[in-house]
Protein backbone atom coordinates (compact mmCIF):
# COMPACT_ATOMS: atom_id res chain seq x y z
CA MET A 1 12.58 8.16 13.13
CA VAL A 2 9.91 7.88 15.84
CA ALA A 3 7.27 9.10 13.39
CA ALA A 4 8.35 6.46 10.86
CA VAL A 5 8.06 3.70 13.46
CA ALA A 6 4.65 4.99 14.57
CA ARG A 7 3.43 5.05 10.97
CA GLU A 8 4.74 1.53 10.42
CA GLU A 9 2.78 0.33 13.45
CA GLN A 10 -0.38 2.08 12.16
CA LEU A 11 -0.03 0.28 8.84
CA HIS A 12 1.01 -3.08 10.29
CA HIS A 13 -2.13 -3.33 12.43
CA PRO A 14 -4.71 -3.22 9.58
CA ALA A 15 -2.75 -5.63 7.34
CA SER A 16 -4.17 -9.12 6.89
CA PRO A 17 -2.19 -12.00 8.45
CA GLY A 18 1.15 -12.41 6.68
CA ALA A 19 0.51 -9.45 4.38
CA TRP A 20 2.90 -7.06 6.12
CA ASP A 21 6.01 -9.22 5.68
CA ALA A 22 5.01 -10.22 2.13
CA GLY A 23 4.39 -6.56 1.21
CA VAL A 24 7.76 -5.50 2.60
CA GLN A 25 9.40 -8.26 0.55
CA LEU A 26 7.58 -7.19 -2.64
CA LYS A 27 8.79 -3.61 -2.06
CA GLU A 28 12.37 -4.67 -1.32
CA GLU A 29 12.50 -6.85 -4.44
CA GLY A 30 11.32 -3.93 -6.57
CA LEU A 31 8.27 -5.78 -7.82
CA LEU A 32 6.09 -2.69 -7.95
CA SER A 33 5.73 0.24 -10.30
CA LEU A 34 3.63 3.30 -9.61
CA ARG A 35 1.53 4.04 -12.70
CA VAL A 36 -0.69 6.98 -11.74
CA ILE A 37 0.19 9.51 -9.08
CA ARG A 38 -2.11 12.42 -8.24
CA GLY A 39 -2.50 14.31 -5.01
CA ASP A 40 -5.21 11.98 -3.73
CA ARG A 41 -4.74 8.83 -5.82
CA VAL A 42 -2.06 6.26 -6.62
CA GLU A 43 -2.31 3.29 -8.95
CA ALA A 44 0.36 0.63 -9.02
CA LEU A 45 1.15 -2.61 -10.75
CA VAL A 46 2.60 -5.26 -8.44
CA TRP A 47 4.13 -8.44 -9.81
CA ASP A 48 3.51 -11.40 -7.49
CA GLY A 49 3.58 -14.33 -9.88
CA ARG A 50 1.01 -12.41 -11.89
CA ALA A 51 0.26 -8.73 -12.28
CA GLU A 52 -2.00 -7.27 -9.59
CA GLU A 53 -3.39 -3.76 -9.89
CA VAL A 54 -3.66 -1.69 -6.72
CA GLU A 55 -5.43 1.62 -6.27
CA LEU A 56 -5.04 3.84 -3.21
CA LEU A 57 -7.41 6.75 -2.74
CA LEU A 58 -7.17 9.34 0.00
CA THR A 59 -10.70 10.22 1.14
CA GLU A 60 -12.20 12.29 3.95
CA ARG A 61 -12.54 9.07 5.95
CA GLY A 62 -8.95 7.95 5.39
CA LEU A 63 -7.21 5.65 2.98
CA ALA A 64 -9.42 3.57 0.68
CA TRP A 65 -7.91 0.83 -1.45
CA ARG A 66 -8.65 -1.98 -3.83
CA CYS A 67 -6.59 -4.74 -5.38
CA THR A 68 -7.29 -7.18 -8.18
CA CYS A 69 -6.14 -10.07 -5.94
CA GLY A 70 -9.64 -10.08 -4.49
CA LEU A 71 -8.84 -9.38 -0.85
CA SER A 72 -9.88 -5.72 -0.90
CA GLY A 73 -11.12 -4.88 2.56
CA ALA A 74 -11.92 -8.45 3.52
CA LEU A 75 -9.27 -8.95 6.20
CA GLY A 76 -7.19 -5.80 5.99
CA TYR A 77 -4.53 -4.65 3.56
CA CYS A 78 -3.25 -7.36 1.21
CA SER A 79 0.50 -7.67 0.54
CA HIS A 80 0.11 -5.76 -2.73
CA ALA A 81 -1.56 -2.84 -0.95
CA VAL A 82 1.12 -2.90 1.77
CA ALA A 83 3.87 -2.68 -0.86
CA THR A 84 2.05 0.14 -2.64
CA ILE A 85 1.49 2.06 0.59
CA LEU A 86 5.16 1.69 1.57
CA VAL A 87 6.46 2.89 -1.81
CA SER A 88 3.89 5.72 -1.88
CA ALA A 89 4.91 6.85 1.59
CA GLU A 90 8.59 6.68 0.69
CA ARG A 91 8.04 8.83 -2.39
CA GLY A 92 5.51 11.20 -0.79
CA ALA A 93 2.98 10.21 -3.44
CA LEU A 94 -0.25 10.87 -1.51
CA ARG A 95 -0.30 14.42 -0.21
CA GLY A 96 -1.86 14.68 3.19
CA ALA A 97 -1.90 10.94 3.90
CA ASP A 98 -1.17 9.99 7.49
CA PHE A 99 1.23 7.13 6.89
């Protein structure tokens, strides 16, 4: 339980303003489907009024991501990336990821 809380705090910090709560809501509403799952890569489709494609990639430097919403890296994780990270973590989709 402590590890889960610590991981949540690690993820919450790099999320853009408002993205954490919106991402949690997207996950809870089941508005995400994982499309590609490999040991170091996850692709998801997130429905948020329109379909957004999210890619997570585990690299030597940590977690890289992109989203078709256009916020990739600008201010931190977007809500679509947060939802994808949460579902990926729950399902153990990225082996070796520290989240």
